[in-house]
């Protein structure tokens, strides 16, 4: 099947990688499915930095599918990794879990109260659910199942037979010190953690055994941990002897039938590239240094008769509104957390619109409203045909996959408007529907399902991420003292507003009214444009807005005034403004 010719001036980074992947696949494995891969370690909550490990190959795989090729996107669950530490901030987990350090993740109990049989399955489930919402199609591979069922037996025996060759490759890097790179700016812990790929990325390379180098590490038959040292191995009989440094347990096993161990990470990863025929797999920045597992793997993969995948190094994903977070301290947001406050299309777009080597931030603070405004503006440009080609491509990748479009909100009102309404109503559905139905009386919202799921996301953002002191609380009674102290100019401004309420009772009408009152007070038409007005009008408008906020909510700021007035209701506005 020929590659679709595309101009680099009109294509995005995804299309360019798809071109390379198709060409490389046809060179290596003509007529076979194109294989792309990701690796995730369910050692704790799988966060939004790890999601880039999945979204980068997903987007490329999806483009390849759109061109009519068969594709397999493998997600290798590194659930046979060792349990390294007790992550902070995980509900149902305390320091007693430290007794399991060194065991495979699938042998560690799940957090208290979990419905899942072990630690790995607990954290895999949340990620699997989020990937389903995001429209990510993949084949999941449990490394526990692969190793314990003997799938990799021939590869393990091959690695042990060629341990001298592997050792020689690794030894090229053991004496080298990675040069310290100067940081242009400090990188917060959220970004550093986001750069991690598999939890196995820092594993040792198998060196240091008493009987020489061995690329295989058994889990102890007594304590179940990997605190073992291989003491001998016989290539003819495949007999391997080890001792446990923790409890002193030792035994001799035959690797032709023994399944309780795994290849060390720097050998395991390239072995899988060859075994699965992986064409494309990205790697995090932690794999880019000399001696890193990706670089070393590029040499070791040849021992297994394979080739290193092509693929970019991907950069940091930061979190706006959750500074100084890391998965070791707990609280780093996951894809499931993000999908509580944003629709899948927006989250997909954040990953699609930036090249993998570009860092970006995902907003959990007020910035999410600006991101949604930007997204809605893009949707409008797509609709009227004014969108740039690269932006159109990112939009297409965000709203659906080769399998079809993702479910979307039928009537996507501005996120900031929905958030303001959710803030004021505290989720009361009758009040929410009343306000939304009055936004545009000529085309009213008649049921909340019209604005879902975006409404649900905005409500979740208000309830989970807007601090209590920033929430809007409408006054229960008028501030009689403040009303009595108003000067004549302020009283006249309030009169003009109140006189115009009924005739302007819609979002656009009230916007025109609240901006128009200071214009009229200064002798201008309420329709006068900014170019027709002196700069003093902006000052007068700000003062008028601050007055209204103070009388309505007891602060000098709040939700957009037209939305606030609609939410409060005409009768209550009149009462609070002293009518």
Protein backbone atom coordinates (compact mmCIF):
# COMPACT_ATOMS: atom_id res chain seq x y z
CA UNK A 1 0.00 0.00 0.00
CA UNK A 2 1.62 3.32 -1.03
CA UNK A 3 2.32 6.12 1.39
CA UNK A 4 -0.07 9.02 1.00
CA UNK A 5 1.94 11.93 -0.35
CA UNK A 6 1.64 14.97 1.87
CA UNK A 7 3.37 18.34 1.92
CA UNK A 8 5.33 19.14 5.07
CA UNK A 9 3.93 22.68 4.86
CA UNK A 10 0.40 21.37 5.42
CA UNK A 11 0.97 18.41 7.69
CA UNK A 12 1.58 18.14 11.41
CA UNK A 13 4.16 16.20 13.41
CA UNK A 14 1.87 13.17 13.58
CA UNK A 15 1.66 12.86 9.79
CA UNK A 16 5.42 13.15 9.43
CA UNK A 17 6.05 10.36 11.95
CA UNK A 18 3.36 8.26 10.27
CA UNK A 19 5.23 8.61 6.97
CA UNK A 20 8.44 7.38 8.64
CA UNK A 21 6.72 4.54 10.48
CA UNK A 22 4.99 3.21 7.37
CA UNK A 23 8.20 3.34 5.35
CA UNK A 24 10.20 1.66 8.14
CA UNK A 25 7.56 -1.03 8.64
CA UNK A 26 7.56 -1.87 4.96
CA UNK A 27 11.35 -2.19 5.05
CA UNK A 28 11.44 -4.40 8.14
CA UNK A 29 8.22 -6.40 7.95
CA UNK A 30 6.38 -5.94 4.65
CA UNK A 31 2.78 -7.09 4.71
CA UNK A 32 2.64 -7.36 8.48
CA UNK A 33 0.76 -5.12 10.92
CA UNK A 34 2.58 -1.97 11.94
CA UNK A 35 3.63 -2.27 15.62
CA UNK A 36 3.96 0.74 17.91
CA UNK A 37 4.52 0.45 21.63
CA UNK A 38 4.24 2.13 25.02
CA UNK A 39 5.37 0.97 28.45
CA UNK A 40 3.68 1.82 31.74
CA UNK A 41 4.59 0.78 35.25
CA UNK A 42 1.59 0.53 37.62
CA UNK A 43 3.83 1.26 40.60
CA UNK A 44 1.40 3.95 41.78
CA UNK A 45 -1.02 6.43 40.21
CA UNK A 46 -0.17 6.67 36.50
CA UNK A 47 -0.03 10.41 35.97
CA UNK A 48 -0.40 12.88 33.11
CA UNK A 49 3.32 12.84 32.38
CA UNK A 50 3.13 9.10 31.76
CA UNK A 51 0.17 9.69 29.45
CA UNK A 52 2.54 11.19 26.88
CA UNK A 53 4.17 7.74 26.68
CA UNK A 54 0.80 6.51 25.38
CA UNK A 55 -0.60 9.47 23.46
CA UNK A 56 2.47 9.95 21.25
CA UNK A 57 2.34 6.44 19.69
CA UNK A 58 -1.48 6.44 19.82
CA UNK A 59 -1.73 9.52 17.63
CA UNK A 60 0.80 8.12 15.17
CA UNK A 61 -0.90 4.70 15.14
CA UNK A 62 -4.26 6.34 14.56
CA UNK A 63 -2.92 8.28 11.57
CA UNK A 64 -1.50 5.06 10.14
CA UNK A 65 -4.92 3.41 10.61
CA UNK A 66 -6.63 6.33 8.86
CA UNK A 67 -4.47 5.51 5.83
CA UNK A 68 -5.79 1.96 5.74
CA UNK A 69 -2.98 0.03 7.42
CA UNK A 70 -3.40 -2.57 10.15
CA UNK A 71 -1.78 -1.38 13.37
CA UNK A 72 -1.08 -2.85 16.80
CA UNK A 73 -0.50 -0.38 19.61
CA UNK A 74 1.04 -2.43 22.41
CA UNK A 75 0.91 -1.16 25.96
CA UNK A 76 3.33 -3.19 27.99
CA UNK A 77 2.21 -3.17 31.61
CA UNK A 78 5.46 -3.46 33.54
CA UNK A 79 3.65 -5.17 36.40
CA UNK A 80 6.51 -7.61 37.00
CA UNK A 81 8.72 -4.68 38.03
CA UNK A 82 9.88 -4.63 41.62
CA UNK A 83 7.89 -2.61 44.12
CA UNK A 84 10.37 0.18 44.88
CA UNK A 85 8.81 2.42 47.50
CA UNK A 86 5.55 3.31 49.20
CA UNK A 87 4.12 6.27 47.28
CA UNK A 88 2.80 9.11 49.39
CA UNK A 89 -0.78 10.30 49.27
CA UNK A 90 -2.41 7.06 48.11
CA UNK A 91 -5.68 6.42 49.99
CA UNK A 92 -5.73 3.11 51.86
CA UNK A 93 -1.92 2.83 51.99
CA UNK A 94 0.39 3.34 54.95
CA UNK A 95 4.02 2.59 55.76
CA UNK A 96 3.22 -1.07 56.44
CA UNK A 97 3.36 -1.56 52.67
CA UNK A 98 7.14 -1.08 52.94
CA UNK A 99 7.42 -4.75 53.89
CA UNK A 100 6.61 -5.60 50.26
CA UNK A 101 9.46 -3.60 48.71
CA UNK A 102 11.35 -5.88 46.33
CA UNK A 103 8.36 -8.02 45.32
CA UNK A 104 6.75 -7.91 41.86
CA UNK A 105 3.97 -5.32 41.70
CA UNK A 106 1.45 -8.10 41.12
CA UNK A 107 2.48 -9.69 44.43
CA UNK A 108 1.85 -6.54 46.48
CA UNK A 109 -1.57 -6.15 48.14
CA UNK A 110 -3.85 -3.52 46.64
CA UNK A 111 -4.64 -0.43 48.74
CA UNK A 112 -7.13 -1.10 51.52
CA UNK A 113 -10.69 -1.10 50.23
CA UNK A 114 -9.71 -1.75 46.61
CA UNK A 115 -11.83 -4.05 44.48
CA UNK A 116 -8.72 -5.35 42.72
CA UNK A 117 -6.59 -8.39 43.61
CA UNK A 118 -3.21 -6.65 43.78
CA UNK A 119 -1.33 -3.37 43.59
CA UNK A 120 -0.68 -3.46 39.85
CA UNK A 121 -4.27 -4.27 38.87
CA UNK A 122 -5.56 -1.44 41.09
CA UNK A 123 -3.56 1.22 39.25
CA UNK A 124 -3.89 -0.37 35.81
CA UNK A 125 -7.68 -0.18 36.11
CA UNK A 126 -7.81 3.60 36.54
CA UNK A 127 -5.53 4.14 33.54
CA UNK A 128 -7.42 1.65 31.39
CA UNK A 129 -10.69 3.46 32.12
CA UNK A 130 -9.19 6.83 31.21
CA UNK A 131 -7.72 5.46 27.96
CA UNK A 132 -11.15 4.14 27.04
CA UNK A 133 -12.65 7.62 27.48
CA UNK A 134 -9.85 9.07 25.38
CA UNK A 135 -10.52 6.66 22.53
CA UNK A 136 -7.12 4.96 22.77
CA UNK A 137 -7.22 1.52 21.17
CA UNK A 138 -4.47 -0.80 22.41
CA UNK A 139 -3.37 -4.35 23.11
CA UNK A 140 -2.36 -4.66 26.76
CA UNK A 141 0.46 -7.06 27.65
CA UNK A 142 1.04 -8.06 31.28
CA UNK A 143 4.74 -8.70 31.82
CA UNK A 144 3.83 -10.82 34.86
CA UNK A 145 1.86 -13.13 32.57
CA UNK A 146 4.59 -13.14 29.93
CA UNK A 147 7.32 -14.12 32.36
CA UNK A 148 5.42 -16.48 34.66
CA UNK A 149 3.91 -18.45 31.76
CA UNK A 150 7.29 -18.96 30.10
CA UNK A 151 6.58 -16.91 26.98
CA UNK A 152 10.08 -15.41 27.12
CA UNK A 153 11.89 -18.64 27.95
CA UNK A 154 13.90 -18.81 24.73
CA UNK A 155 14.80 -15.12 25.03
CA UNK A 156 15.99 -15.60 28.63
CA UNK A 157 18.12 -18.59 27.69
CA UNK A 158 19.52 -16.65 24.73
CA UNK A 159 20.40 -13.69 26.95
CA UNK A 160 22.14 -15.96 29.46
CA UNK A 161 24.08 -17.67 26.69
CA UNK A 162 25.22 -14.30 25.34
CA UNK A 163 25.75 -12.67 28.74
CA UNK A 164 29.37 -11.94 27.87
CA UNK A 165 28.35 -9.94 24.81
CA UNK A 166 25.72 -8.06 26.79
CA UNK A 167 28.21 -7.38 29.57
CA UNK A 168 30.71 -5.98 27.08
CA UNK A 169 28.12 -3.52 25.73
CA UNK A 170 27.08 -2.41 29.19
CA UNK A 171 30.68 -2.13 30.31
CA UNK A 172 31.28 0.61 27.75
CA UNK A 173 29.10 2.87 29.86
CA UNK A 174 29.80 1.75 33.42
CA UNK A 175 32.96 3.83 33.78
CA UNK A 176 31.53 6.86 32.02
CA UNK A 177 30.08 9.65 34.08
CA UNK A 178 27.15 11.46 32.58
CA UNK A 179 28.10 15.13 32.22
CA UNK A 180 26.11 17.41 34.48
CA UNK A 181 23.81 19.51 32.37
CA UNK A 182 23.22 23.10 33.33
CA UNK A 183 19.59 23.93 33.78
CA UNK A 184 18.41 27.04 31.99
CA UNK A 185 15.67 27.36 34.58
CA UNK A 186 14.61 25.32 37.58
CA UNK A 187 12.37 22.41 36.72
CA UNK A 188 9.73 21.67 39.30
CA UNK A 189 9.18 18.17 40.60
CA UNK A 190 5.92 17.79 38.72
CA UNK A 191 7.86 18.05 35.48
CA UNK A 192 10.65 15.74 36.58
CA UNK A 193 8.19 13.08 37.58
CA UNK A 194 6.31 13.58 34.34
CA UNK A 195 9.50 12.70 32.48
CA UNK A 196 9.64 9.23 33.96
CA UNK A 197 8.70 6.37 31.72
CA UNK A 198 8.57 2.89 33.16
CA UNK A 199 9.26 2.55 36.84
CA UNK A 200 11.97 0.14 35.76
CA UNK A 201 14.01 2.87 34.10
CA UNK A 202 16.42 3.08 37.03
CA UNK A 203 16.95 -0.66 37.51
CA UNK A 204 20.49 -2.01 37.72
CA UNK A 205 21.92 -3.70 34.65
CA UNK A 206 22.61 -7.05 36.28
CA UNK A 207 26.28 -6.45 37.10
CA UNK A 208 27.93 -7.36 40.38
CA UNK A 209 27.16 -11.07 40.71
CA UNK A 210 29.74 -13.17 42.55
CA UNK A 211 30.09 -15.61 39.66
CA UNK A 212 30.31 -12.98 36.93
CA UNK A 213 27.71 -11.05 34.98
CA UNK A 214 24.14 -12.35 34.71
CA UNK A 215 21.31 -10.42 32.98
CA UNK A 216 18.61 -12.37 34.85
CA UNK A 217 17.32 -11.81 38.36
CA UNK A 218 15.19 -14.40 40.19
CA UNK A 219 12.62 -13.56 42.82
CA UNK A 220 13.41 -15.41 46.05
CA UNK A 221 11.42 -18.59 46.60
CA UNK A 222 11.18 -17.82 50.32
CA UNK A 223 10.47 -14.08 50.69
CA UNK A 224 9.32 -13.40 47.11
CA UNK A 225 11.68 -10.44 46.70
CA UNK A 226 14.36 -9.69 44.13
CA UNK A 227 17.13 -9.13 46.69
CA UNK A 228 18.95 -12.06 45.13
CA UNK A 229 22.42 -12.69 43.73
CA UNK A 230 23.03 -15.24 41.00
CA UNK A 231 26.09 -17.27 42.01
CA UNK A 232 26.44 -19.64 39.03
CA UNK A 233 24.90 -20.71 35.75
CA UNK A 234 25.53 -23.72 33.51
CA UNK A 235 24.79 -23.15 29.82
CA UNK A 236 24.44 -26.86 29.09
CA UNK A 237 22.01 -27.80 31.87
CA UNK A 238 20.56 -24.26 32.33
CA UNK A 239 21.03 -24.76 36.07
CA UNK A 240 21.10 -21.42 37.89
CA UNK A 241 21.98 -20.98 41.55
CA UNK A 242 21.16 -17.92 43.60
CA UNK A 243 21.11 -16.74 47.19
CA UNK A 244 18.86 -14.16 48.80
CA UNK A 245 20.71 -11.39 50.59
CA UNK A 246 17.68 -10.73 52.77
CA UNK A 247 16.90 -14.12 54.30
CA UNK A 248 19.84 -16.25 53.15
CA UNK A 249 17.62 -18.57 51.17
CA UNK A 250 19.32 -20.23 48.23
CA UNK A 251 18.38 -22.77 45.59
CA UNK A 252 19.39 -24.20 42.25
CA UNK A 253 16.81 -24.12 39.45
CA UNK A 254 16.65 -24.95 35.75
CA UNK A 255 15.81 -21.98 33.53
CA UNK A 256 14.18 -24.38 31.06
CA UNK A 257 11.34 -24.70 33.57
CA UNK A 258 11.80 -21.89 36.13
CA UNK A 259 9.46 -18.89 35.66
CA UNK A 260 9.95 -16.80 38.81
CA UNK A 261 12.32 -14.09 37.60
CA UNK A 262 12.95 -11.61 34.83
CA UNK A 263 15.64 -10.07 32.67
CA UNK A 264 17.09 -6.86 34.07
CA UNK A 265 15.58 -3.75 32.54
CA UNK A 266 18.38 -2.76 30.16
CA UNK A 267 18.14 -6.22 28.60
CA UNK A 268 14.41 -6.74 29.02
CA UNK A 269 13.40 -3.67 26.98
CA UNK A 270 15.45 -4.43 23.82
CA UNK A 271 14.44 -8.10 24.09
CA UNK A 272 10.82 -7.01 23.80
CA UNK A 273 11.55 -4.75 20.82
CA UNK A 274 12.85 -7.79 18.96
CA UNK A 275 10.18 -10.18 20.28
CA UNK A 276 7.25 -7.92 19.30
CA UNK A 277 8.82 -6.35 16.19
CA UNK A 278 8.27 -2.82 17.47
CA UNK A 279 8.66 -0.15 14.77
CA UNK A 280 7.87 2.99 16.79
CA UNK A 281 8.22 3.75 20.49
CA UNK A 282 8.96 7.13 22.09
CA UNK A 283 11.18 7.54 25.12
CA UNK A 284 11.25 10.04 27.96
CA UNK A 285 14.06 12.47 28.64
CA UNK A 286 15.39 10.11 31.30
CA UNK A 287 16.40 7.75 28.48
CA UNK A 288 18.38 10.30 26.47
CA UNK A 289 21.66 10.39 28.42
CA UNK A 290 24.77 8.29 27.71
CA UNK A 291 24.30 4.81 29.13
CA UNK A 292 20.53 5.18 29.31
CA UNK A 293 18.36 2.15 28.68
CA UNK A 294 17.19 3.44 25.27
CA UNK A 295 20.72 4.14 24.05
CA UNK A 296 22.20 0.90 25.40
CA UNK A 297 19.15 -1.01 24.19
CA UNK A 298 19.92 0.11 20.65
CA UNK A 299 23.05 -2.06 20.80
CA UNK A 300 21.68 -4.95 22.84
CA UNK A 301 18.64 -5.43 20.57
CA UNK A 302 20.90 -6.85 17.87
CA UNK A 303 21.80 -9.76 20.13
CA UNK A 304 18.15 -10.77 19.94
CA UNK A 305 18.05 -10.36 16.16
CA UNK A 306 16.01 -7.16 16.22
CA UNK A 307 16.32 -3.45 15.52
CA UNK A 308 15.75 -0.46 17.73
CA UNK A 309 12.41 1.28 17.14
CA UNK A 310 12.31 4.76 15.70
CA UNK A 311 10.66 7.36 17.87
CA UNK A 312 11.16 10.76 19.47
CA UNK A 313 12.25 11.73 22.93
CA UNK A 314 9.28 13.35 24.62
CA UNK A 315 9.48 16.34 26.94
CA UNK A 316 7.97 17.34 30.25
CA UNK A 317 4.29 17.71 30.99
CA UNK A 318 3.77 20.24 33.74
CA UNK A 319 0.72 20.98 35.85
CA UNK A 320 -0.69 24.49 36.17
CA UNK A 321 -2.26 25.09 39.56
CA UNK A 322 -0.56 22.15 41.26
CA UNK A 323 3.01 23.34 41.69
CA UNK A 324 5.75 21.31 43.33
CA UNK A 325 4.00 17.98 43.07
CA UNK A 326 5.65 14.66 42.47
CA UNK A 327 4.41 11.10 42.58
CA UNK A 328 6.78 10.40 45.48
CA UNK A 329 4.98 13.04 47.51
CA UNK A 330 1.54 12.08 46.29
CA UNK A 331 -1.18 14.08 44.66
CA UNK A 332 0.13 14.25 41.09
CA UNK A 333 -2.98 14.33 38.90
CA UNK A 334 -3.80 11.38 36.69
CA UNK A 335 -5.63 11.22 33.34
CA UNK A 336 -8.76 10.23 35.29
CA UNK A 337 -8.40 13.41 37.38
CA UNK A 338 -8.07 15.51 34.24
CA UNK A 339 -11.11 13.87 32.65
CA UNK A 340 -13.21 14.89 35.65
CA UNK A 341 -12.76 18.55 34.72
CA UNK A 342 -12.25 18.49 30.94
CA UNK A 343 -13.77 16.64 28.03
CA UNK A 344 -11.66 13.99 26.28
CA UNK A 345 -11.39 16.16 23.16
CA UNK A 346 -9.62 18.95 25.06
CA UNK A 347 -7.17 16.57 26.74
CA UNK A 348 -6.37 14.85 23.42
CA UNK A 349 -5.84 18.26 21.82
CA UNK A 350 -3.28 19.29 24.43
CA UNK A 351 -1.12 16.29 23.47
CA UNK A 352 -1.81 16.50 19.72
CA UNK A 353 -1.04 20.16 19.17
CA UNK A 354 2.50 20.07 20.59
CA UNK A 355 5.40 18.15 19.10
CA UNK A 356 6.67 15.46 21.50
CA UNK A 357 9.85 17.41 22.27
CA UNK A 358 7.84 20.46 23.35
CA UNK A 359 6.86 20.68 26.99
CA UNK A 360 3.43 21.99 27.95
CA UNK A 361 1.21 22.37 30.98
CA UNK A 362 -2.20 20.97 31.81
CA UNK A 363 -4.35 23.40 33.76
CA UNK A 364 -6.17 22.62 36.97
CA UNK A 365 -6.46 26.31 37.92
CA UNK A 366 -8.18 29.30 36.30
CA UNK A 367 -6.08 28.70 33.18
CA UNK A 368 -8.48 25.91 32.20
CA UNK A 369 -11.05 28.56 31.28
CA UNK A 370 -8.61 30.21 28.87
CA UNK A 371 -7.74 26.82 27.35
CA UNK A 372 -11.42 26.13 26.75
CA UNK A 373 -11.84 29.58 25.16
CA UNK A 374 -8.93 28.76 22.86
CA UNK A 375 -10.45 25.39 22.00
CA UNK A 376 -13.88 26.90 21.23
CA UNK A 377 -12.20 29.52 19.02
CA UNK A 378 -10.48 26.70 17.11
CA UNK A 379 -13.83 24.92 16.68
CA UNK A 380 -15.29 28.12 15.22
CA UNK A 381 -12.39 28.50 12.80
CA UNK A 382 -12.83 24.91 11.66
CA UNK A 383 -16.52 25.58 11.09
CA UNK A 384 -15.97 28.73 9.01
CA UNK A 385 -12.97 27.40 7.09
CA UNK A 386 -10.44 29.93 8.39
CA UNK A 387 -8.35 27.40 10.33
CA UNK A 388 -4.67 26.83 9.53
CA UNK A 389 -3.76 23.34 8.25
CA UNK A 390 -1.70 22.26 11.29
CA UNK A 391 -4.42 23.49 13.65
CA UNK A 392 -7.04 21.64 11.60
CA UNK A 393 -5.00 18.45 11.89
CA UNK A 394 -4.73 18.82 15.69
CA UNK A 395 -8.48 19.41 15.85
CA UNK A 396 -9.23 16.30 13.79
CA UNK A 397 -7.00 14.18 16.05
CA UNK A 398 -8.67 15.64 19.13
CA UNK A 399 -12.31 15.05 18.24
CA UNK A 400 -12.00 11.44 17.13
CA UNK A 401 -10.00 8.51 15.85
CA UNK A 402 -9.99 6.28 12.79
CA UNK A 403 -12.89 4.44 14.47
CA UNK A 404 -15.07 7.57 14.56
CA UNK A 405 -15.77 10.71 16.55
CA UNK A 406 -15.80 10.72 20.34
CA UNK A 407 -19.08 11.62 22.08
CA UNK A 408 -19.38 15.37 22.39
CA UNK A 409 -21.49 17.96 24.19
CA UNK A 410 -24.50 18.74 21.93
CA UNK A 411 -24.53 22.43 22.84
CA UNK A 412 -21.08 23.45 24.10
CA UNK A 413 -21.66 26.68 26.01
CA UNK A 414 -18.51 28.54 27.12
CA UNK A 415 -16.77 26.66 29.93
CA UNK A 416 -16.27 29.86 31.93
CA UNK A 417 -20.01 30.57 31.77
CA UNK A 418 -20.87 27.06 32.96
CA UNK A 419 -18.26 27.34 35.72
CA UNK A 420 -19.74 30.64 36.89
CA UNK A 421 -23.22 29.15 36.98
CA UNK A 422 -21.95 26.07 38.84
CA UNK A 423 -20.16 28.34 41.30
CA UNK A 424 -23.29 30.32 42.09
CA UNK A 425 -25.82 27.47 42.14
CA UNK A 426 -23.57 24.92 43.90
CA UNK A 427 -24.91 22.30 41.51
CA UNK A 428 -28.65 22.87 42.09
CA UNK A 429 -30.11 21.55 38.83
CA UNK A 430 -33.32 23.60 38.84
CA UNK A 431 -31.42 26.84 39.34
CA UNK A 432 -28.81 25.82 36.78
CA UNK A 433 -31.44 25.11 34.14
CA UNK A 434 -33.23 28.40 34.91
CA UNK A 435 -30.07 30.42 34.42
CA UNK A 436 -28.94 28.57 31.30
CA UNK A 437 -32.39 28.89 29.74
CA UNK A 438 -32.17 32.67 30.14
CA UNK A 439 -28.75 33.06 28.53
CA UNK A 440 -30.32 33.22 25.06
CA UNK A 441 -34.13 33.57 25.31
CA UNK A 442 -34.50 33.17 21.54
CA UNK A 443 -32.76 29.79 21.64
CA UNK A 444 -33.11 28.61 25.22
CA UNK A 445 -31.49 25.57 26.80
CA UNK A 446 -34.44 23.31 27.56
CA UNK A 447 -32.64 20.41 29.29
CA UNK A 448 -29.29 20.07 31.04
CA UNK A 449 -28.40 17.08 28.87
CA UNK A 450 -27.93 19.58 26.01
CA UNK A 451 -24.89 21.05 27.80
CA UNK A 452 -23.49 17.82 29.22
CA UNK A 453 -20.87 16.49 29.71
CA UNK A 454 -19.19 19.93 29.59
CA UNK A 455 -21.45 21.18 32.40
CA UNK A 456 -20.46 18.21 34.58
CA UNK A 457 -16.78 18.96 33.98
CA UNK A 458 -17.22 22.63 34.93
CA UNK A 459 -19.12 21.67 38.09
CA UNK A 460 -16.36 19.22 39.05
CA UNK A 461 -13.69 21.89 38.52
CA UNK A 462 -15.53 24.37 40.74
CA UNK A 463 -16.09 21.85 43.52
CA UNK A 464 -12.64 20.24 43.47
CA UNK A 465 -10.14 22.90 42.44
CA UNK A 466 -11.53 26.35 43.25
CA UNK A 467 -10.63 27.26 46.86
CA UNK A 468 -13.50 27.98 49.23
CA UNK A 469 -12.34 31.57 49.68
CA UNK A 470 -12.62 32.09 45.92
CA UNK A 471 -16.15 30.70 45.63
CA UNK A 472 -19.04 33.08 45.04
CA UNK A 473 -21.55 33.55 47.86
CA UNK A 474 -24.43 35.88 46.97
CA UNK A 475 -25.58 38.11 49.80
CA UNK A 476 -28.71 36.94 51.57
CA UNK A 477 -29.76 40.49 52.47
CA UNK A 478 -28.95 43.97 51.11
CA UNK A 479 -25.97 45.79 52.60
CA UNK A 480 -28.08 48.69 53.89
CA UNK A 481 -25.06 50.52 55.29
CA UNK A 482 -23.25 50.49 51.93
CA UNK A 483 -26.42 51.47 50.07
CA UNK A 484 -27.00 54.43 52.40
CA UNK A 485 -23.46 55.67 51.84
CA UNK A 486 -23.72 55.80 48.02
CA UNK A 487 -23.22 59.15 46.32
CA UNK A 488 -25.61 60.52 43.73
CA UNK A 489 -23.50 59.29 40.79
CA UNK A 490 -23.55 55.69 42.08
CA UNK A 491 -27.29 55.86 42.78
CA UNK A 492 -27.96 57.08 39.24
CA UNK A 493 -25.82 54.29 37.79
CA UNK A 494 -27.77 51.67 39.75
CA UNK A 495 -31.06 53.26 38.62
CA UNK A 496 -30.04 52.99 34.96
CA UNK A 497 -29.09 49.36 35.45
CA UNK A 498 -32.31 48.45 37.25
CA UNK A 499 -34.49 50.28 34.70
CA UNK A 500 -32.91 48.25 31.91
CA UNK A 501 -32.98 44.80 33.53
CA UNK A 502 -36.22 43.50 32.04
CA UNK A 503 -35.52 44.67 28.50
CA UNK A 504 -31.97 43.32 28.56
CA UNK A 505 -32.57 39.98 30.32
CA UNK A 506 -30.21 37.71 28.35
CA UNK A 507 -26.47 37.15 28.41
CA UNK A 508 -25.82 39.45 25.46
CA UNK A 509 -28.39 42.00 26.65
CA UNK A 510 -26.98 42.25 30.16
CA UNK A 511 -23.45 42.48 28.76
CA UNK A 512 -24.57 45.46 26.68
CA UNK A 513 -26.32 46.97 29.71
CA UNK A 514 -23.55 46.74 32.33
CA UNK A 515 -20.94 48.10 29.90
CA UNK A 516 -23.37 50.74 28.64
CA UNK A 517 -24.35 52.36 31.96
CA UNK A 518 -20.98 54.17 32.47
CA UNK A 519 -21.09 55.29 28.81
CA UNK A 520 -24.54 56.82 29.25
CA UNK A 521 -23.53 58.48 32.52
CA UNK A 522 -20.64 60.13 30.64
CA UNK A 523 -22.94 61.39 27.86
CA UNK A 524 -22.20 58.77 25.22
CA UNK A 525 -24.41 56.27 23.44
CA UNK A 526 -24.54 52.80 25.04
CA UNK A 527 -23.57 51.50 21.58
CA UNK A 528 -20.40 53.60 21.36
CA UNK A 529 -17.32 51.55 20.49
CA UNK A 530 -14.03 51.72 22.44
CA UNK A 531 -12.51 53.80 19.60
CA UNK A 532 -15.22 56.42 20.11
CA UNK A 533 -14.68 56.68 23.87
CA UNK A 534 -12.07 58.42 26.01
CA UNK A 535 -9.87 56.16 28.19
CA UNK A 536 -11.66 57.43 31.32
CA UNK A 537 -14.68 55.30 30.41
CA UNK A 538 -12.74 52.09 31.13
CA UNK A 539 -11.92 53.42 34.60
CA UNK A 540 -15.58 54.29 35.16
CA UNK A 541 -16.63 50.81 34.04
CA UNK A 542 -14.20 49.13 36.43
CA UNK A 543 -15.51 51.26 39.31
CA UNK A 544 -19.12 50.43 38.41
CA UNK A 545 -18.35 46.70 38.21
CA UNK A 546 -16.61 46.80 41.62
CA UNK A 547 -19.68 48.51 43.10
CA UNK A 548 -22.01 45.82 41.73
CA UNK A 549 -19.77 42.98 42.95
CA UNK A 550 -19.62 44.52 46.42
CA UNK A 551 -23.39 44.93 46.69
CA UNK A 552 -24.13 41.45 45.27
CA UNK A 553 -21.36 39.20 46.64
CA UNK A 554 -19.44 41.34 49.16
CA UNK A 555 -16.18 41.41 47.11
CA UNK A 556 -14.75 43.58 44.37
CA UNK A 557 -14.49 40.70 41.87
CA UNK A 558 -16.46 37.60 40.93
CA UNK A 559 -17.95 35.73 37.96
CA UNK A 560 -18.68 37.75 34.81
CA UNK A 561 -21.34 40.24 35.77
CA UNK A 562 -23.93 39.31 33.10
CA UNK A 563 -23.74 35.66 34.21
CA UNK A 564 -23.89 36.69 37.86
CA UNK A 565 -26.98 38.86 37.30
CA UNK A 566 -28.75 36.02 35.48
CA UNK A 567 -27.82 33.62 38.23
CA UNK A 568 -29.03 35.88 41.03
CA UNK A 569 -32.35 36.58 39.25
CA UNK A 570 -34.02 39.91 38.49
CA UNK A 571 -36.09 40.12 41.69
CA UNK A 572 -33.16 39.37 43.96
CA UNK A 573 -30.91 41.78 42.03
CA UNK A 574 -33.44 44.54 42.62
CA UNK A 575 -33.59 43.72 46.31
CA UNK A 576 -29.82 43.65 46.80
CA UNK A 577 -29.32 46.86 44.81
CA UNK A 578 -31.83 48.73 46.95
CA UNK A 579 -34.75 49.00 44.53
